[in-house]
Amino acid sequence: GDLLPADGVLIQGNDLKIDESALTGESDHVRKAPDKDPLLLSGTHVMEGSGRMVVTAVGVNSQSGIIFTLLGAAGDDEDEGRDRKGD
């Protein structure tokens, strides 16, 4: 499936099913429709169907970008703590 590069809101869809396991850990595909559960998140994969979305966030402002930033910040804090202890 195609990787979604940005967060967005589905405005038109045809039997769209998304694999959100990268973010949620849930292995079942999620059915998306404009009138029911229209939010699409970056880092997820389109498994079936097609659709159009309005992009709401990209890069560090997207859901996956926020997660990666938080993970990076946690790693930086640990590294800084080690540097201070060594001085």
PDB file of N, CA and C in Angstrom:
ATOM      1  N   GLY A   1       0.802  -1.189   0.000  1.00  0.00           N
ATOM      2  CA  GLY A   1       0.000   0.000   0.000  1.00  0.00           C
ATOM      3  C   GLY A   1       0.846   1.255   0.000  1.00  0.00           C
ATOM      4  N   ASP A   2       0.242   2.317  -0.480  1.00  0.00           N
ATOM      5  CA  ASP A   2       0.903   3.626  -0.512  1.00  0.00           C
ATOM      6  C   ASP A   2       1.019   4.196   0.890  1.00  0.00           C
ATOM      7  N   LEU A   3       2.159   4.794   1.176  1.00  0.00           N
ATOM      8  CA  LEU A   3       2.410   5.444   2.459  1.00  0.00           C
ATOM      9  C   LEU A   3       1.829   6.855   2.410  1.00  0.00           C
ATOM     10  N   LEU A   4       1.063   7.222   3.448  1.00  0.00           N
ATOM     11  CA  LEU A   4       0.531   8.582   3.515  1.00  0.00           C
ATOM     12  C   LEU A   4       1.626   9.501   4.053  1.00  0.00           C
ATOM     13  N   PRO A   5       1.985  10.536   3.300  1.00  0.00           N
ATOM     14  CA  PRO A   5       3.091  11.405   3.706  1.00  0.00           C
ATOM     15  C   PRO A   5       2.677  12.561   4.622  1.00  0.00           C
ATOM     16  N   ALA A   6       1.367  12.736   4.854  1.00  0.00           N
ATOM     17  CA  ALA A   6       0.879  13.873   5.640  1.00  0.00           C
ATOM     18  C   ALA A   6      -0.411  13.497   6.354  1.00  0.00           C
ATOM     19  N   ASP A   7      -0.758  14.266   7.385  1.00  0.00           N
ATOM     20  CA  ASP A   7      -2.048  14.113   8.049  1.00  0.00           C
ATOM     21  C   ASP A   7      -3.092  14.846   7.224  1.00  0.00           C
ATOM     22  N   GLY A   8      -4.337  14.378   7.280  1.00  0.00           N
ATOM     23  CA  GLY A   8      -5.379  15.067   6.546  1.00  0.00           C
ATOM     24  C   GLY A   8      -6.767  14.565   6.877  1.00  0.00           C
ATOM     25  N   VAL A   9      -7.742  15.189   6.245  1.00  0.00           N
ATOM     26  CA  VAL A   9      -9.156  14.844   6.398  1.00  0.00           C
ATOM     27  C   VAL A   9      -9.650  14.334   5.054  1.00  0.00           C
ATOM     28  N   LEU A  10     -10.217  13.140   5.066  1.00  0.00           N
ATOM     29  CA  LEU A  10     -10.751  12.526   3.853  1.00  0.00           C
ATOM     30  C   LEU A  10     -11.992  13.282   3.395  1.00  0.00           C
ATOM     31  N   ILE A  11     -11.993  13.720   2.147  1.00  0.00           N
ATOM     32  CA  ILE A  11     -13.158  14.438   1.611  1.00  0.00           C
ATOM     33  C   ILE A  11     -13.901  13.621   0.562  1.00  0.00           C
ATOM     34  N   GLN A  12     -13.212  12.611  -0.004  1.00  0.00           N
ATOM     35  CA  GLN A  12     -13.836  11.734  -0.990  1.00  0.00           C
ATOM     36  C   GLN A  12     -13.132  10.390  -0.907  1.00  0.00           C
ATOM     37  N   GLY A  13     -13.899   9.313  -0.808  1.00  0.00           N
ATOM     38  CA  GLY A  13     -13.278   8.007  -0.713  1.00  0.00           C
ATOM     39  C   GLY A  13     -14.104   6.916  -1.348  1.00  0.00           C
ATOM     40  N   ASN A  14     -13.395   5.858  -1.784  1.00  0.00           N
ATOM     41  CA  ASN A  14     -14.046   4.717  -2.395  1.00  0.00           C
ATOM     42  C   ASN A  14     -13.507   3.450  -1.738  1.00  0.00           C
ATOM     43  N   ASP A  15     -14.260   2.883  -0.783  1.00  0.00           N
ATOM     44  CA  ASP A  15     -13.889   1.643  -0.090  1.00  0.00           C
ATOM     45  C   ASP A  15     -12.456   1.706   0.441  1.00  0.00           C
ATOM     46  N   LEU A  16     -12.134   2.789   1.149  1.00  0.00           N
ATOM     47  CA  LEU A  16     -10.783   3.036   1.626  1.00  0.00           C
ATOM     48  C   LEU A  16     -10.517   2.291   2.935  1.00  0.00           C
ATOM     49  N   LYS A  17      -9.431   1.502   2.942  1.00  0.00           N
ATOM     50  CA  LYS A  17      -9.009   0.803   4.152  1.00  0.00           C
ATOM     51  C   LYS A  17      -7.546   1.147   4.406  1.00  0.00           C
ATOM     52  N   ILE A  18      -7.262   1.512   5.658  1.00  0.00           N
ATOM     53  CA  ILE A  18      -5.939   2.000   6.046  1.00  0.00           C
ATOM     54  C   ILE A  18      -5.321   1.070   7.087  1.00  0.00           C
ATOM     55  N   ASP A  19      -4.039   0.800   6.934  1.00  0.00           N
ATOM     56  CA  ASP A  19      -3.267   0.048   7.925  1.00  0.00           C
ATOM     57  C   ASP A  19      -2.610   1.065   8.851  1.00  0.00           C
ATOM     58  N   GLU A  20      -3.132   1.187  10.087  1.00  0.00           N
ATOM     59  CA  GLU A  20      -2.614   2.140  11.065  1.00  0.00           C
ATOM     60  C   GLU A  20      -1.686   1.479  12.080  1.00  0.00           C
ATOM     61  N   SER A  21      -1.228   0.267  11.783  1.00  0.00           N
ATOM     62  CA  SER A  21      -0.427  -0.484  12.757  1.00  0.00           C
ATOM     63  C   SER A  21       0.879   0.218  13.130  1.00  0.00           C
ATOM     64  N   ALA A  22       1.420   1.026  12.235  1.00  0.00           N
ATOM     65  CA  ALA A  22       2.665   1.740  12.536  1.00  0.00           C
ATOM     66  C   ALA A  22       2.482   2.717  13.696  1.00  0.00           C
ATOM     67  N   LEU A  23       1.269   3.262  13.850  1.00  0.00           N
ATOM     68  CA  LEU A  23       1.010   4.219  14.923  1.00  0.00           C
ATOM     69  C   LEU A  23       0.296   3.607  16.122  1.00  0.00           C
ATOM     70  N   THR A  24      -0.624   2.674  15.852  1.00  0.00           N
ATOM     71  CA  THR A  24      -1.466   2.158  16.931  1.00  0.00           C
ATOM     72  C   THR A  24      -1.094   0.753  17.383  1.00  0.00           C
ATOM     73  N   GLY A  25      -0.405   0.006  16.530  1.00  0.00           N
ATOM     74  CA  GLY A  25      -0.103  -1.382  16.842  1.00  0.00           C
ATOM     75  C   GLY A  25      -1.238  -2.329  16.496  1.00  0.00           C
ATOM     76  N   GLU A  26      -2.382  -1.793  16.100  1.00  0.00           N
ATOM     77  CA  GLU A  26      -3.550  -2.597  15.732  1.00  0.00           C
ATOM     78  C   GLU A  26      -3.359  -3.147  14.329  1.00  0.00           C
ATOM     79  N   SER A  27      -3.464  -4.467  14.184  1.00  0.00           N
ATOM     80  CA  SER A  27      -3.195  -5.095  12.889  1.00  0.00           C
ATOM     81  C   SER A  27      -4.386  -5.071  11.929  1.00  0.00           C
ATOM     82  N   ASP A  28      -5.596  -4.839  12.430  1.00  0.00           N
ATOM     83  CA  ASP A  28      -6.777  -4.791  11.555  1.00  0.00           C
ATOM     84  C   ASP A  28      -6.774  -3.503  10.730  1.00  0.00           C
ATOM     85  N   HIS A  29      -7.196  -3.606   9.484  1.00  0.00           N
ATOM     86  CA  HIS A  29      -7.307  -2.429   8.633  1.00  0.00           C
ATOM     87  C   HIS A  29      -8.534  -1.633   9.052  1.00  0.00           C
ATOM     88  N   VAL A  30      -8.420  -0.309   8.991  1.00  0.00           N
ATOM     89  CA  VAL A  30      -9.488   0.588   9.427  1.00  0.00           C
ATOM     90  C   VAL A  30     -10.179   1.163   8.205  1.00  0.00           C
ATOM     91  N   ARG A  31     -11.507   1.006   8.158  1.00  0.00           N
ATOM     92  CA  ARG A  31     -12.294   1.555   7.050  1.00  0.00           C
ATOM     93  C   ARG A  31     -12.488   3.048   7.298  1.00  0.00           C
ATOM     94  N   LYS A  32     -12.213   3.848   6.278  1.00  0.00           N
ATOM     95  CA  LYS A  32     -12.346   5.301   6.365  1.00  0.00           C
ATOM     96  C   LYS A  32     -13.386   5.782   5.374  1.00  0.00           C
ATOM     97  N   ALA A  33     -14.150   6.784   5.770  1.00  0.00           N
ATOM     98  CA  ALA A  33     -15.158   7.395   4.905  1.00  0.00           C
ATOM     99  C   ALA A  33     -15.293   8.861   5.309  1.00  0.00           C
ATOM    100  N   PRO A  34     -15.659   9.732   4.383  1.00  0.00           N
ATOM    101  CA  PRO A  34     -15.777  11.157   4.706  1.00  0.00           C
ATOM    102  C   PRO A  34     -16.763  11.446   5.835  1.00  0.00           C
ATOM    103  N   ASP A  35     -17.831  10.643   5.933  1.00  0.00           N
ATOM    104  CA  ASP A  35     -18.836  10.882   6.966  1.00  0.00           C
ATOM    105  C   ASP A  35     -18.593  10.074   8.241  1.00  0.00           C
ATOM    106  N   LYS A  36     -17.647   9.125   8.209  1.00  0.00           N
ATOM    107  CA  LYS A  36     -17.334   8.303   9.372  1.00  0.00           C
ATOM    108  C   LYS A  36     -15.834   8.089   9.443  1.00  0.00           C
ATOM    109  N   ASP A  37     -15.203   8.553  10.511  1.00  0.00           N
ATOM    110  CA  ASP A  37     -13.765   8.392  10.728  1.00  0.00           C
ATOM    111  C   ASP A  37     -12.945   8.913   9.538  1.00  0.00           C
ATOM    112  N   PRO A  38     -13.003  10.225   9.255  1.00  0.00           N
ATOM    113  CA  PRO A  38     -12.324  10.770   8.068  1.00  0.00           C
ATOM    114  C   PRO A  38     -10.846  11.143   8.276  1.00  0.00           C
ATOM    115  N   LEU A  39     -10.312  10.989   9.486  1.00  0.00           N
ATOM    116  CA  LEU A  39      -8.940  11.419   9.731  1.00  0.00           C
ATOM    117  C   LEU A  39      -7.924  10.405   9.213  1.00  0.00           C
ATOM    118  N   LEU A  40      -6.977  10.892   8.421  1.00  0.00           N
ATOM    119  CA  LEU A  40      -5.896  10.071   7.884  1.00  0.00           C
ATOM    120  C   LEU A  40      -4.587  10.580   8.469  1.00  0.00           C
ATOM    121  N   LEU A  41      -3.727   9.664   8.885  1.00  0.00           N
ATOM    122  CA  LEU A  41      -2.500  10.044   9.567  1.00  0.00           C
ATOM    123  C   LEU A  41      -1.263   9.650   8.774  1.00  0.00           C
ATOM    124  N   SER A  42      -0.269  10.508   8.803  1.00  0.00           N
ATOM    125  CA  SER A  42       0.983  10.217   8.107  1.00  0.00           C
ATOM    126  C   SER A  42       1.639   8.996   8.731  1.00  0.00           C
ATOM    127  N   GLY A  43       2.351   8.258   7.906  1.00  0.00           N
ATOM    128  CA  GLY A  43       3.019   7.047   8.375  1.00  0.00           C
ATOM    129  C   GLY A  43       2.152   5.805   8.296  1.00  0.00           C
ATOM    130  N   THR A  44       0.881   5.975   7.899  1.00  0.00           N
ATOM    131  CA  THR A  44      -0.002   4.825   7.721  1.00  0.00           C
ATOM    132  C   THR A  44      -0.040   4.446   6.242  1.00  0.00           C
ATOM    133  N   HIS A  45      -0.548   3.258   5.955  1.00  0.00           N
ATOM    134  CA  HIS A  45      -0.551   2.755   4.576  1.00  0.00           C
ATOM    135  C   HIS A  45      -1.971   2.529   4.072  1.00  0.00           C
ATOM    136  N   VAL A  46      -2.214   2.898   2.810  1.00  0.00           N
ATOM    137  CA  VAL A  46      -3.482   2.610   2.136  1.00  0.00           C
ATOM    138  C   VAL A  46      -3.414   1.165   1.658  1.00  0.00           C
ATOM    139  N   MET A  47      -4.341   0.336   2.108  1.00  0.00           N
ATOM    140  CA  MET A  47      -4.339  -1.074   1.748  1.00  0.00           C
ATOM    141  C   MET A  47      -5.356  -1.396   0.652  1.00  0.00           C
ATOM    142  N   GLU A  48      -6.487  -0.693   0.657  1.00  0.00           N
ATOM    143  CA  GLU A  48      -7.522  -0.897  -0.357  1.00  0.00           C
ATOM    144  C   GLU A  48      -8.197   0.429  -0.655  1.00  0.00           C
ATOM    145  N   GLY A  49      -8.754   0.540  -1.851  1.00  0.00           N
ATOM    146  CA  GLY A  49      -9.554   1.689  -2.213  1.00  0.00           C
ATOM    147  C   GLY A  49      -8.745   2.900  -2.627  1.00  0.00           C
ATOM    148  N   SER A  50      -9.441   4.022  -2.694  1.00  0.00           N
ATOM    149  CA  SER A  50      -8.821   5.281  -3.095  1.00  0.00           C
ATOM    150  C   SER A  50      -9.550   6.427  -2.418  1.00  0.00           C
ATOM    151  N   GLY A  51      -8.946   7.599  -2.480  1.00  0.00           N
ATOM    152  CA  GLY A  51      -9.587   8.755  -1.878  1.00  0.00           C
ATOM    153  C   GLY A  51      -8.822  10.033  -2.111  1.00  0.00           C
ATOM    154  N   ARG A  52      -9.453  11.124  -1.691  1.00  0.00           N
ATOM    155  CA  ARG A  52      -8.839  12.450  -1.730  1.00  0.00           C
ATOM    156  C   ARG A  52      -8.936  13.037  -0.339  1.00  0.00           C
ATOM    157  N   MET A  53      -7.861  13.745   0.060  1.00  0.00           N
ATOM    158  CA  MET A  53      -7.887  14.350   1.383  1.00  0.00           C
ATOM    159  C   MET A  53      -7.380  15.785   1.324  1.00  0.00           C
ATOM    160  N   VAL A  54      -7.792  16.558   2.320  1.00  0.00           N
ATOM    161  CA  VAL A  54      -7.256  17.898   2.525  1.00  0.00           C
ATOM    162  C   VAL A  54      -6.154  17.754   3.557  1.00  0.00           C
ATOM    163  N   VAL A  55      -4.952  18.172   3.203  1.00  0.00           N
ATOM    164  CA  VAL A  55      -3.803  18.040   4.097  1.00  0.00           C
ATOM    165  C   VAL A  55      -3.930  19.043   5.237  1.00  0.00           C
ATOM    166  N   THR A  56      -3.739  18.567   6.470  1.00  0.00           N
ATOM    167  CA  THR A  56      -3.832  19.423   7.649  1.00  0.00           C
ATOM    168  C   THR A  56      -2.494  19.611   8.353  1.00  0.00           C
ATOM    169  N   ALA A  57      -1.540  18.687   8.170  1.00  0.00           N
ATOM    170  CA  ALA A  57      -0.237  18.821   8.819  1.00  0.00           C
ATOM    171  C   ALA A  57       0.803  18.007   8.065  1.00  0.00           C
ATOM    172  N   VAL A  58       2.026  18.544   8.015  1.00  0.00           N
ATOM    173  CA  VAL A  58       3.145  17.848   7.370  1.00  0.00           C
ATOM    174  C   VAL A  58       4.378  17.940   8.269  1.00  0.00           C
ATOM    175  N   GLY A  59       5.355  17.091   7.975  1.00  0.00           N
ATOM    176  CA  GLY A  59       6.640  17.143   8.674  1.00  0.00           C
ATOM    177  C   GLY A  59       6.525  16.995  10.173  1.00  0.00           C
ATOM    178  N   VAL A  60       7.210  17.861  10.928  1.00  0.00           N
ATOM    179  CA  VAL A  60       7.228  17.746  12.387  1.00  0.00           C
ATOM    180  C   VAL A  60       5.887  18.077  13.022  1.00  0.00           C
ATOM    181  N   ASN A  61       4.962  18.678  12.272  1.00  0.00           N
ATOM    182  CA  ASN A  61       3.640  19.001  12.798  1.00  0.00           C
ATOM    183  C   ASN A  61       2.641  17.861  12.627  1.00  0.00           C
ATOM    184  N   SER A  62       2.996  16.822  11.864  1.00  0.00           N
ATOM    185  CA  SER A  62       2.104  15.673  11.675  1.00  0.00           C
ATOM    186  C   SER A  62       2.193  14.742  12.878  1.00  0.00           C
ATOM    187  N   GLN A  63       1.264  13.805  12.972  1.00  0.00           N
ATOM    188  CA  GLN A  63       1.271  12.856  14.097  1.00  0.00           C
ATOM    189  C   GLN A  63       2.581  12.085  14.180  1.00  0.00           C
ATOM    190  N   SER A  64       3.041  11.555  13.053  1.00  0.00           N
ATOM    191  CA  SER A  64       4.292  10.801  13.091  1.00  0.00           C
ATOM    192  C   SER A  64       5.465  11.729  13.365  1.00  0.00           C
ATOM    193  N   GLY A  65       5.427  12.961  12.873  1.00  0.00           N
ATOM    194  CA  GLY A  65       6.481  13.929  13.153  1.00  0.00           C
ATOM    195  C   GLY A  65       6.562  14.275  14.626  1.00  0.00           C
ATOM    196  N   ILE A  66       5.414  14.422  15.270  1.00  0.00           N
ATOM    197  CA  ILE A  66       5.373  14.710  16.708  1.00  0.00           C
ATOM    198  C   ILE A  66       5.963  13.547  17.490  1.00  0.00           C
ATOM    199  N   ILE A  67       5.593  12.323  17.107  1.00  0.00           N
ATOM    200  CA  ILE A  67       6.110  11.133  17.791  1.00  0.00           C
ATOM    201  C   ILE A  67       7.626  11.059  17.637  1.00  0.00           C
ATOM    202  N   PHE A  68       8.134  11.249  16.417  1.00  0.00           N
ATOM    203  CA  PHE A  68       9.582  11.193  16.193  1.00  0.00           C
ATOM    204  C   PHE A  68      10.305  12.298  16.950  1.00  0.00           C
ATOM    205  N   THR A  69       9.700  13.484  17.028  1.00  0.00           N
ATOM    206  CA  THR A  69      10.302  14.587  17.773  1.00  0.00           C
ATOM    207  C   THR A  69      10.382  14.242  19.254  1.00  0.00           C
ATOM    208  N   LEU A  70       9.301  13.690  19.793  1.00  0.00           N
ATOM    209  CA  LEU A  70       9.301  13.307  21.216  1.00  0.00           C
ATOM    210  C   LEU A  70      10.317  12.207  21.493  1.00  0.00           C
ATOM    211  N   LEU A  71      10.418  11.253  20.594  1.00  0.00           N
ATOM    212  CA  LEU A  71      11.402  10.186  20.771  1.00  0.00           C
ATOM    213  C   LEU A  71      12.819  10.739  20.691  1.00  0.00           C
ATOM    214  N   GLY A  72      13.050  11.661  19.791  1.00  0.00           N
ATOM    215  CA  GLY A  72      14.355  12.293  19.657  1.00  0.00           C
ATOM    216  C   GLY A  72      14.692  13.135  20.871  1.00  0.00           C
ATOM    217  N   ALA A  73      13.699  13.842  21.412  1.00  0.00           N
ATOM    218  CA  ALA A  73      13.922  14.669  22.592  1.00  0.00           C
ATOM    219  C   ALA A  73      14.266  13.801  23.795  1.00  0.00           C
ATOM    220  N   ALA A  74      13.612  12.656  23.913  1.00  0.00           N
ATOM    221  CA  ALA A  74      13.911  11.744  25.017  1.00  0.00           C
ATOM    222  C   ALA A  74      15.332  11.217  24.891  1.00  0.00           C
ATOM    223  N   GLY A  75      15.743  10.914  23.672  1.00  0.00           N
ATOM    224  CA  GLY A  75      17.102  10.431  23.440  1.00  0.00           C
ATOM    225  C   GLY A  75      18.123  11.504  23.738  1.00  0.00           C
ATOM    226  N   ASP A  76      17.831  12.776  23.398  1.00  0.00           N
ATOM    227  CA  ASP A  76      18.750  13.883  23.660  1.00  0.00           C
ATOM    228  C   ASP A  76      18.913  14.109  25.156  1.00  0.00           C
ATOM    229  N   ASP A  77      17.821  14.018  25.920  1.00  0.00           N
ATOM    230  CA  ASP A  77      17.902  14.200  27.365  1.00  0.00           C
ATOM    231  C   ASP A  77      18.797  13.154  27.998  1.00  0.00           C
ATOM    232  N   GLU A  78      18.661  11.924  27.532  1.00  0.00           N
ATOM    233  CA  GLU A  78      19.493  10.854  28.087  1.00  0.00           C
ATOM    234  C   GLU A  78      20.958  11.089  27.764  1.00  0.00           C
ATOM    235  N   ASP A  79      21.248  11.515  26.543  1.00  0.00           N
ATOM    236  CA  ASP A  79      22.634  11.778  26.142  1.00  0.00           C
ATOM    237  C   ASP A  79      23.221  12.932  26.945  1.00  0.00           C
ATOM    238  N   GLU A  80      22.418  14.002  27.157  1.00  0.00           N
ATOM    239  CA  GLU A  80      22.904  15.138  27.925  1.00  0.00           C
ATOM    240  C   GLU A  80      23.196  14.736  29.360  1.00  0.00           C
ATOM    241  N   GLY A  81      22.348  13.900  29.916  1.00  0.00           N
ATOM    242  CA  GLY A  81      22.552  13.430  31.291  1.00  0.00           C
ATOM    243  C   GLY A  81      23.859  12.657  31.411  1.00  0.00           C
ATOM    244  N   ARG A  82      24.157  11.860  30.413  1.00  0.00           N
ATOM    245  CA  ARG A  82      25.409  11.101  30.436  1.00  0.00           C
ATOM    246  C   ARG A  82      26.609  12.032  30.340  1.00  0.00           C
ATOM    247  N   ASP A  83      26.494  13.072  29.511  1.00  0.00           N
ATOM    248  CA  ASP A  83      27.603  14.008  29.348  1.00  0.00           C
ATOM    249  C   ASP A  83      27.872  14.761  30.653  1.00  0.00           C
ATOM    250  N   ARG A  84      26.814  15.165  31.349  1.00  0.00           N
ATOM    251  CA  ARG A  84      26.987  15.894  32.599  1.00  0.00           C
ATOM    252  C   ARG A  84      27.594  15.031  33.675  1.00  0.00           C
ATOM    253  N   LYS A  85      27.187  13.768  33.718  1.00  0.00           N
ATOM    254  CA  LYS A  85      27.718  12.867  34.736  1.00  0.00           C
ATOM    255  C   LYS A  85      29.206  12.612  34.514  1.00  0.00           C
ATOM    256  N   GLY A  86      29.620  12.634  33.244  1.00  0.00           N
ATOM    257  CA  GLY A  86      31.022  12.348  32.923  1.00  0.00           C
ATOM    258  C   GLY A  86      31.936  13.529  33.223  1.00  0.00           C
ATOM    259  N   ASP A  87      31.365  14.746  33.336  1.00  0.00           N
ATOM    260  CA  ASP A  87      32.202  15.945  33.577  1.00  0.00           C
ATOM    261  C   ASP A  87      32.606  16.086  35.022  1.00  0.00           C
TER     262      ASP A  87
END
